[in-house]
Every structure is written in structure tokens, then in C-alpha cells.
C-alpha atoms as a PDB file:
ATOM      1  CA  MET A   1     188.433  11.041-248.857  1.00  0.00           C
ATOM      2  CA  ILE A   2     190.588  11.453-245.762  1.00  0.00           C
ATOM      3  CA  ILE A   3     191.142  15.130-246.553  1.00  0.00           C
ATOM      4  CA  LEU A   4     187.391  15.667-246.883  1.00  0.00           C
ATOM      5  CA  LYS A   5     186.755  14.041-243.491  1.00  0.00           C
ATOM      6  CA  MET A   6     189.462  16.200-241.905  1.00  0.00           C
ATOM      7  CA  ALA A   7     187.971  19.362-243.444  1.00  0.00           C
ATOM      8  CA  LEU A   8     184.515  18.405-242.201  1.00  0.00           C
ATOM      9  CA  SER A   9     185.737  17.734-238.675  1.00  0.00           C
ATOM     10  CA  LEU A  10     187.582  21.080-238.678  1.00  0.00           C
ATOM     11  CA  PHE A  11     184.467  22.889-239.906  1.00  0.00           C
ATOM     12  CA  LEU A  12     182.244  21.271-237.261  1.00  0.00           C
ATOM     13  CA  TRP A  13     184.771  21.572-234.428  1.00  0.00           C
ATOM     14  CA  PRO A  14     183.422  24.757-232.730  1.00  0.00           C
ATOM     15  CA  GLY A  15     179.870  23.439-232.492  1.00  0.00           C
ATOM     16  CA  ASN A  16     180.964  20.000-231.376  1.00  0.00           C
ATOM     17  CA  ALA A  17     183.196  21.460-228.667  1.00  0.00           C
ATOM     18  CA  ILE A  18     180.387  23.611-227.255  1.00  0.00           C
ATOM     19  CA  SER A  19     177.899  20.738-227.438  1.00  0.00           C
ATOM     20  CA  ARG A  20     180.297  18.501-225.497  1.00  0.00           C
ATOM     21  CA  ALA A  21     180.939  21.265-222.956  1.00  0.00           C
ATOM     22  CA  LEU A  22     177.195  21.669-222.394  1.00  0.00           C
ATOM     23  CA  SER A  23     176.680  17.869-222.344  1.00  0.00           C
ATOM     24  CA  ILE A  24     174.211  18.067-225.219  1.00  0.00           C
ATOM     25  CA  ASN A  25     173.826  15.060-227.482  1.00  0.00           C
ATOM     26  CA  ILE A  26     173.182  15.827-231.168  1.00  0.00           C
ATOM     27  CA  SER A  27     170.210  13.447-231.153  1.00  0.00           C
ATOM     28  CA  GLU A  28     168.625  15.479-228.320  1.00  0.00           C
ATOM     29  CA  ASP A  29     168.462  18.829-230.138  1.00  0.00           C
ATOM     30  CA  GLY A  30     168.798  17.827-233.783  1.00  0.00           C
ATOM     31  CA  GLY A  31     172.112  19.648-234.092  1.00  0.00           C
ATOM     32  CA  GLN A  32     170.594  23.080-233.506  1.00  0.00           C
ATOM     33  CA  VAL A  33     173.173  24.183-230.946  1.00  0.00           C
ATOM     34  CA  ARG A  34     176.004  22.933-233.140  1.00  0.00           C
ATOM     35  CA  SER A  35     174.597  24.734-236.182  1.00  0.00           C
ATOM     36  CA  LEU A  36     174.121  27.973-234.260  1.00  0.00           C
ATOM     37  CA  VAL A  37     177.633  27.932-232.803  1.00  0.00           C
ATOM     38  CA  ASN A  38     179.223  27.012-236.134  1.00  0.00           C
ATOM     39  CA  GLY A  39     177.347  29.795-237.925  1.00  0.00           C
ATOM     40  CA  LEU A  40     178.304  32.384-235.337  1.00  0.00           C
ATOM     41  CA  PHE A  41     181.942  31.292-235.196  1.00  0.00           C
ATOM     42  CA  TRP A  42     182.623  30.999-238.930  1.00  0.00           C
ATOM     43  CA  GLY A  43     180.476  34.038-239.786  1.00  0.00           C
ATOM     44  CA  THR A  44     182.370  36.214-237.324  1.00  0.00           C
ATOM     45  CA  LEU A  45     185.714  34.897-238.531  1.00  0.00           C
ATOM     46  CA  LEU A  46     184.858  35.550-242.183  1.00  0.00           C
ATOM     47  CA  LEU A  47     183.554  39.036-241.345  1.00  0.00           C
ATOM     48  CA  ILE A  48     186.831  39.906-239.592  1.00  0.00           C
ATOM     49  CA  VAL A  49     188.872  38.582-242.521  1.00  0.00           C
ATOM     50  CA  ALA A  50     186.721  40.508-245.007  1.00  0.00           C
ATOM     51  CA  LEU A  51     187.071  43.748-243.034  1.00  0.00           C
ATOM     52  CA  ILE A  52     190.835  43.347-242.778  1.00  0.00           C
ATOM     53  CA  PHE A  53     191.328  42.766-246.485  1.00  0.00           C
ATOM     54  CA  HIS A  54     188.743  45.338-247.602  1.00  0.00           C
ATOM     55  CA  GLY A  55     190.308  48.303-245.890  1.00  0.00           C
END
């Protein structure tokens, strides 16, 4: 269970960091900023990894 919590906190880290930097509480926006940032960050990272290993 500890490993799962660590993986979840790692996965949510980019969105949480940006939300804290912008002083946005998750209850204020329903997690929309966190979801957007996480999607952009992990999507870009996976795209770069896929392009590196494809070519």
C-alpha cells in the first residue's frame, strides 16, 4: 500500500506543485488545474519517450 501511495504522489506531483505555486486550493477549482497540468506534463513526457524509441 505504501508503494501505491508513493506512485500516486509522484504521478500527481506536477499538478500539485503548480497549484501550490498559484495558491489554488483543490476544493476551489475541483482539481481542474491539477488535471490539466498533469495531462500536459505526462503526455509530453510520454510523447518524447515514444519519439526517441520509435526512431
